[in-house]
Amino acid sequence: QEQLVQSGGGLVQAGGSLRLSCDASGSTISINTMGWYRQAPGKQREWVADITSAGSVNYANSVKGRFTISRDYGKNTVFLQMSSLKPEDTAVYYCHMAFRVWGQGTQVTVSS
């Protein structure tokens, strides 16, 4: 059974950093596009970043230069390193595997 389990997140001051993890089981991350979305209160889910099976990475303009998506094959885990965080980054963050499986969501709150 394919499953994604997220960890990380929390409360941080503006300008700070956080790292989200997305542990995959039941399938190998190397053969799937992995990505992150986020949803702020009262807003639609927004694409953040993804990494393809070939290793290409893509970022939303709103996070480009501040967020980094990466993966660890040995741990079968995808990461989202977030730096220079802004209050507008506050949201629940979700990882996905090929849009087929989704993590449970992780709250990120950035205080001003």
Protein backbone atom coordinates (compact mmCIF):
# COMPACT_ATOMS: atom_id res chain seq x y z
CA GLN A 1 0.00 0.00 0.00
CA GLU A 2 1.40 3.37 -1.03
CA GLN A 3 1.63 5.90 1.73
CA LEU A 4 3.22 9.27 2.43
CA VAL A 5 3.91 10.38 5.99
CA GLN A 6 4.92 13.98 6.59
CA SER A 7 6.94 15.49 9.40
CA GLY A 8 8.49 18.82 10.21
CA GLY A 9 6.78 22.16 10.14
CA GLY A 10 5.70 24.22 13.10
CA LEU A 11 5.93 27.84 14.18
CA VAL A 12 8.78 30.10 13.09
CA GLN A 13 9.45 33.81 12.96
CA ALA A 14 9.65 35.63 9.66
CA GLY A 15 13.06 35.18 8.11
CA GLY A 16 13.51 31.77 9.70
CA SER A 17 13.80 28.33 8.19
CA LEU A 18 12.00 25.01 8.39
CA ARG A 19 12.37 21.65 6.72
CA LEU A 20 9.50 19.39 5.80
CA SER A 21 9.93 15.68 5.21
CA CYS A 22 7.76 13.29 3.26
CA ASP A 23 8.50 9.60 3.89
CA ALA A 24 7.22 7.29 1.18
CA SER A 25 6.36 3.63 1.46
CA GLY A 26 4.89 1.15 -0.97
CA SER A 27 6.53 2.84 -3.95
CA THR A 28 9.90 4.28 -4.89
CA ILE A 29 10.24 8.04 -5.09
CA SER A 30 12.84 7.79 -7.83
CA ILE A 31 10.30 6.66 -10.41
CA ASN A 32 7.61 9.15 -9.48
CA THR A 33 7.19 12.87 -9.69
CA MET A 34 7.10 14.13 -6.13
CA GLY A 35 5.81 17.50 -5.14
CA TRP A 36 4.48 19.90 -2.57
CA TYR A 37 1.33 21.94 -2.41
CA ARG A 38 0.04 24.26 0.28
CA GLN A 39 -3.31 25.60 1.37
CA ALA A 40 -3.76 28.74 3.40
CA PRO A 41 -6.97 29.40 5.33
CA GLY A 42 -9.74 30.47 3.00
CA LYS A 43 -7.64 29.90 -0.10
CA GLN A 44 -7.36 27.22 -2.75
CA ARG A 45 -4.57 24.67 -2.68
CA GLU A 46 -1.49 26.15 -4.33
CA TRP A 47 1.36 24.37 -6.08
CA VAL A 48 4.75 24.97 -4.43
CA ALA A 49 7.39 22.75 -6.03
CA ASP A 50 8.02 19.41 -7.64
CA ILE A 51 10.84 17.12 -8.67
CA THR A 52 10.47 14.73 -11.55
CA SER A 53 11.80 11.20 -11.84
CA ALA A 54 14.53 12.62 -14.07
CA GLY A 55 15.54 15.05 -11.36
CA SER A 56 14.16 18.25 -12.83
CA VAL A 57 12.93 20.68 -10.23
CA ASN A 58 10.31 23.37 -10.57
CA TYR A 59 9.17 26.07 -8.19
CA ALA A 60 6.30 28.47 -7.94
CA ASN A 61 7.42 32.05 -8.42
CA SER A 62 6.33 32.86 -4.89
CA VAL A 63 8.92 30.50 -3.38
CA LYS A 64 11.67 30.46 -6.00
CA GLY A 65 15.04 31.24 -4.47
CA ARG A 66 13.78 30.54 -0.95
CA PHE A 67 12.57 26.92 -1.04
CA THR A 68 14.48 23.85 -2.15
CA ILE A 69 12.99 20.47 -2.95
CA SER A 70 15.26 17.45 -2.73
CA ARG A 71 15.10 13.70 -2.27
CA ASP A 72 17.05 10.97 -0.51
CA TYR A 73 16.79 7.67 -2.35
CA GLY A 74 18.15 5.66 0.54
CA LYS A 75 15.48 6.97 2.88
CA ASN A 76 12.83 7.12 0.15
CA THR A 77 12.09 10.60 1.41
CA VAL A 78 11.45 13.96 -0.20
CA PHE A 79 12.29 17.20 1.57
CA LEU A 80 11.21 20.78 1.30
CA GLN A 81 13.77 23.14 2.79
CA MET A 82 12.16 26.51 3.39
CA SER A 83 14.24 29.59 4.11
CA SER A 84 13.58 33.31 4.43
CA LEU A 85 10.05 32.44 5.43
CA LYS A 86 7.35 35.07 5.21
CA PRO A 87 3.99 35.33 6.98
CA GLU A 88 2.31 34.65 3.63
CA ASP A 89 3.95 31.21 3.60
CA THR A 90 1.66 30.22 6.46
CA ALA A 91 -0.38 27.23 5.28
CA VAL A 92 -0.89 23.52 5.56
CA TYR A 93 1.67 21.86 3.33
CA TYR A 94 0.97 18.60 1.51
CA CYS A 95 3.35 16.32 -0.34
CA HIS A 96 2.19 14.10 -3.17
CA MET A 97 3.46 11.21 -5.24
CA ALA A 98 2.45 11.57 -8.87
CA PHE A 99 -0.82 13.15 -7.67
CA ARG A 100 -1.84 9.61 -6.78
CA VAL A 101 -1.00 9.59 -3.10
CA TRP A 102 -1.03 12.50 -0.66
CA GLY A 103 0.50 13.10 2.72
CA GLN A 104 -1.57 13.99 5.74
CA GLY A 105 -0.57 17.65 5.72
CA THR A 106 1.73 19.67 7.97
CA GLN A 107 1.02 23.09 9.46
CA VAL A 108 3.59 25.81 8.86
CA THR A 109 3.00 29.09 10.68
CA VAL A 110 5.24 32.10 10.12
CA SER A 111 4.85 34.96 12.58
CA SER A 112 5.69 38.54 11.71
